[in-house]
């Protein structure tokens, strides 16, 4: 199955861009996807994840055609 991953802020820099089309196995969770991308450490730093515009947790299943947004915490002042 194929999903689109949208990364923002410093996470986009770390992943080498904002948009990524990713080929995944069926029956995949968000956590597995993050591990495959090598960015699971962001979960402990307050990463917010949405699938098709709906906020989800790391155990949420991923379906073919989903658009997954990875939103790292914002800092600044």
PDB file of N, CA and C in Angstrom:
ATOM      1  N   UNK A   1       0.840  -1.173   0.000  1.00  0.00           N
ATOM      2  CA  UNK A   1       0.000   0.000   0.000  1.00  0.00           C
ATOM      3  C   UNK A   1       0.885   1.236   0.000  1.00  0.00           C
ATOM      4  N   UNK A   2       0.312   2.328  -0.450  1.00  0.00           N
ATOM      5  CA  UNK A   2       1.080   3.562  -0.519  1.00  0.00           C
ATOM      6  C   UNK A   2       0.389   4.643   0.303  1.00  0.00           C
ATOM      7  N   UNK A   3       1.200   5.405   1.058  1.00  0.00           N
ATOM      8  CA  UNK A   3       0.693   6.521   1.847  1.00  0.00           C
ATOM      9  C   UNK A   3       1.537   7.755   1.543  1.00  0.00           C
ATOM     10  N   UNK A   4       0.964   8.909   1.807  1.00  0.00           N
ATOM     11  CA  UNK A   4       1.700  10.165   1.662  1.00  0.00           C
ATOM     12  C   UNK A   4       2.000  10.686   3.058  1.00  0.00           C
ATOM     13  N   UNK A   5       3.280  10.975   3.312  1.00  0.00           N
ATOM     14  CA  UNK A   5       3.694  11.524   4.595  1.00  0.00           C
ATOM     15  C   UNK A   5       4.087  12.975   4.384  1.00  0.00           C
ATOM     16  N   UNK A   6       3.481  13.856   5.179  1.00  0.00           N
ATOM     17  CA  UNK A   6       3.802  15.274   5.164  1.00  0.00           C
ATOM     18  C   UNK A   6       4.527  15.596   6.464  1.00  0.00           C
ATOM     19  N   UNK A   7       5.739  16.100   6.361  1.00  0.00           N
ATOM     20  CA  UNK A   7       6.537  16.444   7.538  1.00  0.00           C
ATOM     21  C   UNK A   7       6.687  17.958   7.611  1.00  0.00           C
ATOM     22  N   UNK A   8       6.702  18.485   8.832  1.00  0.00           N
ATOM     23  CA  UNK A   8       6.773  19.926   9.028  1.00  0.00           C
ATOM     24  C   UNK A   8       7.925  20.298   9.948  1.00  0.00           C
ATOM     25  N   UNK A   9       8.331  21.562   9.867  1.00  0.00           N
ATOM     26  CA  UNK A   9       9.362  22.110  10.753  1.00  0.00           C
ATOM     27  C   UNK A   9      10.665  21.352  10.666  1.00  0.00           C
ATOM     28  N   UNK A  10      11.323  21.183  11.825  1.00  0.00           N
ATOM     29  CA  UNK A  10      12.629  20.511  11.834  1.00  0.00           C
ATOM     30  C   UNK A  10      12.550  19.049  11.389  1.00  0.00           C
ATOM     31  N   UNK A  11      11.387  18.455  11.518  1.00  0.00           N
ATOM     32  CA  UNK A  11      11.216  17.071  11.067  1.00  0.00           C
ATOM     33  C   UNK A  11      11.326  16.983   9.542  1.00  0.00           C
ATOM     34  N   UNK A  12      10.804  17.974   8.838  1.00  0.00           N
ATOM     35  CA  UNK A  12      10.937  18.010   7.375  1.00  0.00           C
ATOM     36  C   UNK A  12      12.404  18.127   6.986  1.00  0.00           C
ATOM     37  N   UNK A  13      13.155  18.939   7.721  1.00  0.00           N
ATOM     38  CA  UNK A  13      14.594  19.066   7.459  1.00  0.00           C
ATOM     39  C   UNK A  13      15.298  17.731   7.683  1.00  0.00           C
ATOM     40  N   UNK A  14      14.958  17.071   8.774  1.00  0.00           N
ATOM     41  CA  UNK A  14      15.583  15.777   9.104  1.00  0.00           C
ATOM     42  C   UNK A  14      15.272  14.710   8.051  1.00  0.00           C
ATOM     43  N   UNK A  15      14.050  14.750   7.502  1.00  0.00           N
ATOM     44  CA  UNK A  15      13.634  13.745   6.530  1.00  0.00           C
ATOM     45  C   UNK A  15      14.001  14.122   5.095  1.00  0.00           C
ATOM     46  N   UNK A  16      14.578  15.315   4.897  1.00  0.00           N
ATOM     47  CA  UNK A  16      15.005  15.709   3.564  1.00  0.00           C
ATOM     48  C   UNK A  16      13.898  16.228   2.671  1.00  0.00           C
ATOM     49  N   UNK A  17      12.836  16.748   3.264  1.00  0.00           N
ATOM     50  CA  UNK A  17      11.745  17.315   2.475  1.00  0.00           C
ATOM     51  C   UNK A  17      10.426  17.207   3.186  1.00  0.00           C
ATOM     52  N   UNK A  18       9.428  17.915   2.650  1.00  0.00           N
ATOM     53  CA  UNK A  18       8.111  17.970   3.293  1.00  0.00           C
ATOM     54  C   UNK A  18       7.177  16.854   2.857  1.00  0.00           C
ATOM     55  N   UNK A  19       7.249  16.412   1.601  1.00  0.00           N
ATOM     56  CA  UNK A  19       6.316  15.400   1.105  1.00  0.00           C
ATOM     57  C   UNK A  19       7.050  14.128   0.701  1.00  0.00           C
ATOM     58  N   UNK A  20       6.500  12.999   1.143  1.00  0.00           N
ATOM     59  CA  UNK A  20       7.115  11.704   0.849  1.00  0.00           C
ATOM     60  C   UNK A  20       6.021  10.691   0.532  1.00  0.00           C
ATOM     61  N   UNK A  21       6.127  10.023  -0.602  1.00  0.00           N
ATOM     62  CA  UNK A  21       5.243   8.902  -0.923  1.00  0.00           C
ATOM     63  C   UNK A  21       5.956   7.638  -0.463  1.00  0.00           C
ATOM     64  N   UNK A  22       5.331   6.916   0.458  1.00  0.00           N
ATOM     65  CA  UNK A  22       5.955   5.768   1.109  1.00  0.00           C
ATOM     66  C   UNK A  22       5.169   4.506   0.785  1.00  0.00           C
ATOM     67  N   UNK A  23       5.879   3.471   0.398  1.00  0.00           N
ATOM     68  CA  UNK A  23       5.289   2.145   0.163  1.00  0.00           C
ATOM     69  C   UNK A  23       5.414   1.351   1.464  1.00  0.00           C
ATOM     70  N   UNK A  24       4.281   0.863   1.980  1.00  0.00           N
ATOM     71  CA  UNK A  24       4.266   0.137   3.253  1.00  0.00           C
ATOM     72  C   UNK A  24       3.552  -1.200   3.094  1.00  0.00           C
ATOM     73  N   UNK A  25       3.811  -2.101   4.040  1.00  0.00           N
ATOM     74  CA  UNK A  25       3.056  -3.352   4.108  1.00  0.00           C
ATOM     75  C   UNK A  25       1.658  -3.062   4.645  1.00  0.00           C
ATOM     76  N   UNK A  26       0.703  -3.900   4.311  1.00  0.00           N
ATOM     77  CA  UNK A  26      -0.634  -3.743   4.879  1.00  0.00           C
ATOM     78  C   UNK A  26      -0.578  -4.050   6.374  1.00  0.00           C
ATOM     79  N   UNK A  27      -1.615  -3.644   7.099  1.00  0.00           N
ATOM     80  CA  UNK A  27      -1.692  -3.837   8.554  1.00  0.00           C
ATOM     81  C   UNK A  27      -0.532  -3.157   9.280  1.00  0.00           C
ATOM     82  N   UNK A  28      -0.262  -1.933   8.907  1.00  0.00           N
ATOM     83  CA  UNK A  28       0.812  -1.150   9.502  1.00  0.00           C
ATOM     84  C   UNK A  28       0.218  -0.113  10.442  1.00  0.00           C
ATOM     85  N   UNK A  29       0.934   0.154  11.535  1.00  0.00           N
ATOM     86  CA  UNK A  29       0.514   1.198  12.468  1.00  0.00           C
ATOM     87  C   UNK A  29       1.391   2.433  12.277  1.00  0.00           C
ATOM     88  N   UNK A  30       0.948   3.533  12.853  1.00  0.00           N
ATOM     89  CA  UNK A  30       1.742   4.760  12.810  1.00  0.00           C
ATOM     90  C   UNK A  30       3.121   4.522  13.417  1.00  0.00           C
ATOM     91  N   UNK A  31       3.181   3.829  14.545  1.00  0.00           N
ATOM     92  CA  UNK A  31       4.479   3.591  15.199  1.00  0.00           C
ATOM     93  C   UNK A  31       5.421   2.850  14.252  1.00  0.00           C
ATOM     94  N   UNK A  32       4.936   1.815  13.587  1.00  0.00           N
ATOM     95  CA  UNK A  32       5.778   1.058  12.657  1.00  0.00           C
ATOM     96  C   UNK A  32       6.265   1.966  11.530  1.00  0.00           C
ATOM     97  N   UNK A  33       5.386   2.806  11.009  1.00  0.00           N
ATOM     98  CA  UNK A  33       5.767   3.740   9.954  1.00  0.00           C
ATOM     99  C   UNK A  33       6.878   4.669  10.434  1.00  0.00           C
ATOM    100  N   UNK A  34       6.718   5.225  11.642  1.00  0.00           N
ATOM    101  CA  UNK A  34       7.740   6.122  12.185  1.00  0.00           C
ATOM    102  C   UNK A  34       9.067   5.405  12.386  1.00  0.00           C
ATOM    103  N   UNK A  35       9.015   4.145  12.828  1.00  0.00           N
ATOM    104  CA  UNK A  35      10.237   3.359  12.985  1.00  0.00           C
ATOM    105  C   UNK A  35      10.905   3.125  11.636  1.00  0.00           C
ATOM    106  N   UNK A  36      10.116   2.819  10.623  1.00  0.00           N
ATOM    107  CA  UNK A  36      10.664   2.611   9.277  1.00  0.00           C
ATOM    108  C   UNK A  36      11.318   3.885   8.741  1.00  0.00           C
ATOM    109  N   UNK A  37      10.740   5.030   9.085  1.00  0.00           N
ATOM    110  CA  UNK A  37      11.293   6.311   8.636  1.00  0.00           C
ATOM    111  C   UNK A  37      12.459   6.775   9.508  1.00  0.00           C
ATOM    112  N   UNK A  38      12.671   6.115  10.648  1.00  0.00           N
ATOM    113  CA  UNK A  38      13.762   6.479  11.548  1.00  0.00           C
ATOM    114  C   UNK A  38      13.506   7.737  12.356  1.00  0.00           C
ATOM    115  N   UNK A  39      12.237   8.045  12.605  1.00  0.00           N
ATOM    116  CA  UNK A  39      11.902   9.276  13.335  1.00  0.00           C
ATOM    117  C   UNK A  39      11.032   9.007  14.569  1.00  0.00           C
ATOM    118  N   UNK A  40      11.023   7.773  15.064  1.00  0.00           N
ATOM    119  CA  UNK A  40      10.162   7.441  16.204  1.00  0.00           C
ATOM    120  C   UNK A  40      10.548   8.195  17.473  1.00  0.00           C
ATOM    121  N   UNK A  41      11.798   8.693  17.563  1.00  0.00           N
ATOM    122  CA  UNK A  41      12.210   9.428  18.750  1.00  0.00           C
ATOM    123  C   UNK A  41      11.405  10.715  18.949  1.00  0.00           C
ATOM    124  N   UNK A  42      10.774  11.205  17.880  1.00  0.00           N
ATOM    125  CA  UNK A  42       9.943  12.406  17.977  1.00  0.00           C
ATOM    126  C   UNK A  42       8.689  12.169  18.809  1.00  0.00           C
ATOM    127  N   UNK A  43       8.268  10.914  18.970  1.00  0.00           N
ATOM    128  CA  UNK A  43       7.086  10.625  19.780  1.00  0.00           C
ATOM    129  C   UNK A  43       7.266  11.111  21.212  1.00  0.00           C
ATOM    130  N   UNK A  44       8.462  10.942  21.763  1.00  0.00           N
ATOM    131  CA  UNK A  44       8.714  11.371  23.145  1.00  0.00           C
ATOM    132  C   UNK A  44       8.930  12.875  23.254  1.00  0.00           C
ATOM    133  N   UNK A  45       8.985  13.554  22.122  1.00  0.00           N
ATOM    134  CA  UNK A  45       9.211  14.999  22.121  1.00  0.00           C
ATOM    135  C   UNK A  45       7.937  15.782  21.804  1.00  0.00           C
ATOM    136  N   UNK A  46       6.797  15.108  21.813  1.00  0.00           N
ATOM    137  CA  UNK A  46       5.524  15.791  21.624  1.00  0.00           C
ATOM    138  C   UNK A  46       5.010  15.812  20.195  1.00  0.00           C
ATOM    139  N   UNK A  47       5.455  14.871  19.361  1.00  0.00           N
ATOM    140  CA  UNK A  47       4.988  14.806  17.979  1.00  0.00           C
ATOM    141  C   UNK A  47       3.478  14.620  17.929  1.00  0.00           C
ATOM    142  N   UNK A  48       2.817  15.427  17.108  1.00  0.00           N
ATOM    143  CA  UNK A  48       1.384  15.282  16.857  1.00  0.00           C
ATOM    144  C   UNK A  48       1.234  14.659  15.473  1.00  0.00           C
ATOM    145  N   UNK A  49       0.367  13.652  15.372  1.00  0.00           N
ATOM    146  CA  UNK A  49       0.180  12.913  14.125  1.00  0.00           C
ATOM    147  C   UNK A  49      -1.279  13.020  13.716  1.00  0.00           C
ATOM    148  N   UNK A  50      -1.499  13.263  12.429  1.00  0.00           N
ATOM    149  CA  UNK A  50      -2.876  13.215  11.932  1.00  0.00           C
ATOM    150  C   UNK A  50      -2.924  12.349  10.681  1.00  0.00           C
ATOM    151  N   UNK A  51      -4.045  11.665  10.524  1.00  0.00           N
ATOM    152  CA  UNK A  51      -4.316  10.885   9.327  1.00  0.00           C
ATOM    153  C   UNK A  51      -5.548  11.498   8.680  1.00  0.00           C
ATOM    154  N   UNK A  52      -5.379  11.964   7.456  1.00  0.00           N
ATOM    155  CA  UNK A  52      -6.483  12.581   6.712  1.00  0.00           C
ATOM    156  C   UNK A  52      -7.173  13.679   7.526  1.00  0.00           C
ATOM    157  N   UNK A  53      -6.362  14.473   8.252  1.00  0.00           N
ATOM    158  CA  UNK A  53      -6.876  15.607   9.000  1.00  0.00           C
ATOM    159  C   UNK A  53      -7.420  15.297  10.382  1.00  0.00           C
ATOM    160  N   UNK A  54      -7.305  14.040  10.826  1.00  0.00           N
ATOM    161  CA  UNK A  54      -7.825  13.624  12.141  1.00  0.00           C
ATOM    162  C   UNK A  54      -6.654  13.234  13.036  1.00  0.00           C
ATOM    163  N   UNK A  55      -6.550  13.877  14.209  1.00  0.00           N
ATOM    164  CA  UNK A  55      -5.469  13.582  15.149  1.00  0.00           C
ATOM    165  C   UNK A  55      -5.591  12.141  15.638  1.00  0.00           C
ATOM    166  N   UNK A  56      -4.451  11.427  15.626  1.00  0.00           N
ATOM    167  CA  UNK A  56      -4.439  10.014  16.019  1.00  0.00           C
ATOM    168  C   UNK A  56      -3.243   9.723  16.922  1.00  0.00           C
ATOM    169  N   UNK A  57      -3.268   8.554  17.538  1.00  0.00           N
ATOM    170  CA  UNK A  57      -2.162   8.081  18.362  1.00  0.00           C
ATOM    171  C   UNK A  57      -1.249   7.157  17.566  1.00  0.00           C
ATOM    172  N   UNK A  58      -0.185   6.734  18.209  1.00  0.00           N
ATOM    173  CA  UNK A  58       0.820   5.926  17.525  1.00  0.00           C
ATOM    174  C   UNK A  58       0.361   4.516  17.169  1.00  0.00           C
ATOM    175  N   UNK A  59      -0.704   4.037  17.806  1.00  0.00           N
ATOM    176  CA  UNK A  59      -1.204   2.689  17.526  1.00  0.00           C
ATOM    177  C   UNK A  59      -2.250   2.662  16.420  1.00  0.00           C
ATOM    178  N   UNK A  60      -2.567   3.817  15.865  1.00  0.00           N
ATOM    179  CA  UNK A  60      -3.587   3.918  14.814  1.00  0.00           C
ATOM    180  C   UNK A  60      -3.148   3.144  13.568  1.00  0.00           C
ATOM    181  N   UNK A  61      -4.030   2.336  12.998  1.00  0.00           N
ATOM    182  CA  UNK A  61      -3.677   1.641  11.750  1.00  0.00           C
ATOM    183  C   UNK A  61      -3.627   2.615  10.574  1.00  0.00           C
ATOM    184  N   UNK A  62      -2.785   2.283   9.618  1.00  0.00           N
ATOM    185  CA  UNK A  62      -2.619   3.084   8.407  1.00  0.00           C
ATOM    186  C   UNK A  62      -3.237   2.318   7.248  1.00  0.00           C
ATOM    187  N   UNK A  63      -3.985   3.025   6.391  1.00  0.00           N
ATOM    188  CA  UNK A  63      -4.642   2.412   5.243  1.00  0.00           C
ATOM    189  C   UNK A  63      -4.076   2.964   3.940  1.00  0.00           C
ATOM    190  N   UNK A  64      -4.243   2.201   2.882  1.00  0.00           N
ATOM    191  CA  UNK A  64      -3.784   2.616   1.565  1.00  0.00           C
ATOM    192  C   UNK A  64      -4.385   3.969   1.200  1.00  0.00           C
ATOM    193  N   UNK A  65      -3.549   4.873   0.726  1.00  0.00           N
ATOM    194  CA  UNK A  65      -4.005   6.186   0.290  1.00  0.00           C
ATOM    195  C   UNK A  65      -4.087   7.233   1.380  1.00  0.00           C
ATOM    196  N   UNK A  66      -3.801   6.869   2.635  1.00  0.00           N
ATOM    197  CA  UNK A  66      -3.866   7.840   3.725  1.00  0.00           C
ATOM    198  C   UNK A  66      -2.835   8.950   3.541  1.00  0.00           C
ATOM    199  N   UNK A  67      -3.198  10.129   4.032  1.00  0.00           N
ATOM    200  CA  UNK A  67      -2.259  11.250   4.102  1.00  0.00           C
ATOM    201  C   UNK A  67      -1.941  11.457   5.579  1.00  0.00           C
ATOM    202  N   UNK A  68      -0.670  11.285   5.928  1.00  0.00           N
ATOM    203  CA  UNK A  68      -0.238  11.319   7.315  1.00  0.00           C
ATOM    204  C   UNK A  68       0.615  12.564   7.515  1.00  0.00           C
ATOM    205  N   UNK A  69       0.180  13.412   8.438  1.00  0.00           N
ATOM    206  CA  UNK A  69       0.928  14.631   8.743  1.00  0.00           C
ATOM    207  C   UNK A  69       1.666  14.439  10.055  1.00  0.00           C
ATOM    208  N   UNK A  70       2.948  14.789  10.056  1.00  0.00           N
ATOM    209  CA  UNK A  70       3.797  14.708  11.236  1.00  0.00           C
ATOM    210  C   UNK A  70       4.134  16.134  11.666  1.00  0.00           C
ATOM    211  N   UNK A  71       3.625  16.517  12.828  1.00  0.00           N
ATOM    212  CA  UNK A  71       3.743  17.891  13.301  1.00  0.00           C
ATOM    213  C   UNK A  71       4.555  17.932  14.594  1.00  0.00           C
ATOM    214  N   UNK A  72       5.832  18.300  14.513  1.00  0.00           N
ATOM    215  CA  UNK A  72       6.641  18.381  15.723  1.00  0.00           C
ATOM    216  C   UNK A  72       6.202  19.563  16.592  1.00  0.00           C
ATOM    217  N   UNK A  73       6.537  19.539  17.884  1.00  0.00           N
ATOM    218  CA  UNK A  73       6.170  20.660  18.747  1.00  0.00           C
ATOM    219  C   UNK A  73       6.856  21.943  18.263  1.00  0.00           C
ATOM    220  N   UNK A  74       6.188  23.052  18.491  1.00  0.00           N
ATOM    221  CA  UNK A  74       6.721  24.351  18.062  1.00  0.00           C
ATOM    222  C   UNK A  74       7.350  25.035  19.274  1.00  0.00           C
ATOM    223  N   UNK A  75       8.512  25.605  19.049  1.00  0.00           N
ATOM    224  CA  UNK A  75       9.135  26.389  20.107  1.00  0.00           C
ATOM    225  C   UNK A  75       9.537  27.724  19.529  1.00  0.00           C
ATOM    226  N   UNK A  76       9.755  28.638  20.380  1.00  0.00           N
ATOM    227  CA  UNK A  76      10.163  29.956  19.917  1.00  0.00           C
ATOM    228  C   UNK A  76       9.589  31.019  20.823  1.00  0.00           C
ATOM    229  N   UNK A  77       9.795  32.245  20.433  1.00  0.00           N
ATOM    230  CA  UNK A  77       9.284  33.291  21.293  1.00  0.00           C
ATOM    231  C   UNK A  77       9.347  34.620  20.634  1.00  0.00           C
TER     232      UNK A  77
END
